Amino acid sequence: MQTMELITFISLVIGIAASACAIYFGVRNNRRSNKTDDAEEGKKDGVILTEIGYIKSGVDDIKRKQETQDRQHIEVVTRITAVEESSKQAHHRIDELQDKMNH
C-alpha cells in the first residue's frame, strides 16, 4: 500500500506543479500581451495626434487666407463706394453742362 500512496503523492505533486506552471506562464503571457497591446495603442495614438496636428495646421492656414481675402474684399468695397460717389458727382456736372448748353 505504501507504493500506491507514494505514486498518488507523486501524481498529486506533479499535478500541483503543472497547475502552478500553467498559471505562471498564463499570467506572464498575459502581461506580455498587454505590453504589446499598450505599445500598439500608443503608436496608434501617436499617429492620430500627428494627423490632428496636420489638420490643425491646415485649418490655421485656411483661416489666415480667409482673413487676407476678407481684408481685400473690404478694400474693394471701399474703392467701389468711392468710385460710385465720384461717378455721381461726374453725372451731376454733366447734367449741369447739358442744362447750360440747352439754355
Protein backbone atom coordinates (compact mmCIF):
# COMPACT_ATOMS: atom_id res chain seq x y z
CA MET A 1 0.00 0.00 0.00
CA GLN A 2 2.84 2.37 0.57
CA THR A 3 3.86 2.15 -3.04
CA MET A 4 0.35 3.13 -4.06
CA GLU A 5 0.37 6.03 -1.64
CA LEU A 6 3.77 7.14 -2.96
CA ILE A 7 2.53 7.05 -6.56
CA THR A 8 -0.59 9.00 -5.59
CA PHE A 9 1.52 11.56 -3.73
CA ILE A 10 3.93 11.95 -6.67
CA SER A 11 0.97 12.31 -9.06
CA LEU A 12 -0.52 14.94 -6.76
CA VAL A 13 2.76 16.88 -6.57
CA ILE A 14 3.22 16.71 -10.35
CA GLY A 15 -0.39 17.89 -10.87
CA ILE A 16 0.07 20.82 -8.48
CA ALA A 17 3.42 21.73 -10.09
CA ALA A 18 1.88 21.55 -13.57
CA SER A 19 -1.05 23.72 -12.49
CA ALA A 20 1.31 26.25 -10.90
CA CYS A 21 3.44 26.35 -14.08
CA ALA A 22 0.33 26.80 -16.22
CA ILE A 23 -0.84 29.69 -14.03
CA TYR A 24 2.63 31.30 -14.04
CA PHE A 25 3.04 31.08 -17.82
CA GLY A 26 -0.53 32.24 -18.38
CA VAL A 27 -0.01 35.34 -16.26
CA ARG A 28 3.37 36.01 -17.88
CA ASN A 29 1.92 35.66 -21.37
CA ASN A 30 -1.00 37.93 -20.43
CA ARG A 31 1.40 40.64 -19.19
CA ARG A 32 3.47 40.41 -22.36
CA SER A 33 0.32 40.61 -24.45
CA ASN A 34 -0.83 43.68 -22.50
CA LYS A 35 2.53 45.39 -23.05
CA THR A 36 2.33 44.66 -26.77
CA ASP A 37 -1.25 45.96 -26.89
CA ASP A 38 -0.21 49.09 -24.99
CA ALA A 39 2.67 49.68 -27.40
CA GLU A 40 0.40 49.27 -30.44
CA GLU A 41 -2.21 51.54 -28.89
CA GLY A 42 0.50 54.12 -28.19
CA LYS A 43 1.60 54.02 -31.82
CA LYS A 44 -1.98 54.45 -33.00
CA ASP A 45 -2.48 57.37 -30.60
CA GLY A 46 0.74 58.95 -31.86
CA VAL A 47 -0.41 58.64 -35.47
CA ILE A 48 -3.80 60.11 -34.62
CA LEU A 49 -2.23 63.04 -32.75
CA THR A 50 0.11 63.68 -35.67
CA GLU A 51 -2.79 63.67 -38.11
CA ILE A 52 -4.74 66.03 -35.85
CA GLY A 53 -1.70 68.33 -35.84
CA TYR A 54 -1.65 68.34 -39.65
CA ILE A 55 -5.37 69.09 -39.76
CA LYS A 56 -4.98 71.92 -37.25
CA SER A 57 -2.13 73.38 -39.28
CA GLY A 58 -4.27 73.23 -42.43
CA VAL A 59 -7.19 74.91 -40.68
CA ASP A 60 -4.86 77.66 -39.43
CA ASP A 61 -3.61 78.23 -42.99
CA ILE A 62 -7.19 78.43 -44.27
CA LYS A 63 -8.07 80.95 -41.54
CA ARG A 64 -5.10 83.15 -42.46
CA LYS A 65 -6.03 83.06 -46.15
CA GLN A 66 -9.66 83.85 -45.30
CA GLU A 67 -8.61 86.84 -43.21
CA THR A 68 -6.48 88.12 -46.10
CA GLN A 69 -9.40 87.69 -48.50
CA ASP A 70 -11.72 89.49 -46.06
CA ARG A 71 -9.34 92.47 -45.93
CA GLN A 72 -9.09 92.53 -49.73
CA HIS A 73 -12.89 92.35 -50.02
CA ILE A 74 -13.31 95.29 -47.64
CA GLU A 75 -10.75 97.28 -49.63
CA VAL A 76 -12.54 96.54 -52.91
CA VAL A 77 -15.91 97.52 -51.43
CA THR A 78 -14.40 100.76 -50.11
CA ARG A 79 -12.89 101.58 -53.50
CA ILE A 80 -16.16 100.79 -55.31
CA THR A 81 -18.03 103.10 -52.95
CA ALA A 82 -15.54 105.89 -53.71
CA VAL A 83 -15.90 105.29 -57.46
CA GLU A 84 -19.68 105.37 -57.19
CA GLU A 85 -19.54 108.72 -55.36
CA SER A 86 -17.15 110.10 -57.96
CA SER A 87 -19.43 108.82 -60.72
CA LYS A 88 -22.44 110.55 -59.15
CA GLN A 89 -20.54 113.82 -59.00
CA ALA A 90 -19.45 113.45 -62.62
CA HIS A 91 -23.02 112.75 -63.74
CA HIS A 92 -24.22 115.77 -61.79
CA ARG A 93 -21.63 118.00 -63.53
CA ILE A 94 -22.51 116.52 -66.91
CA ASP A 95 -26.19 117.23 -66.25
CA GLU A 96 -25.31 120.84 -65.32
CA LEU A 97 -23.28 121.26 -68.50
CA GLN A 98 -26.16 119.87 -70.59
CA ASP A 99 -28.58 122.27 -68.87
CA LYS A 100 -26.25 125.23 -69.67
CA MET A 101 -25.95 124.12 -73.29
CA ASN A 102 -29.71 123.74 -73.68
CA HIS A 103 -30.50 127.24 -72.30
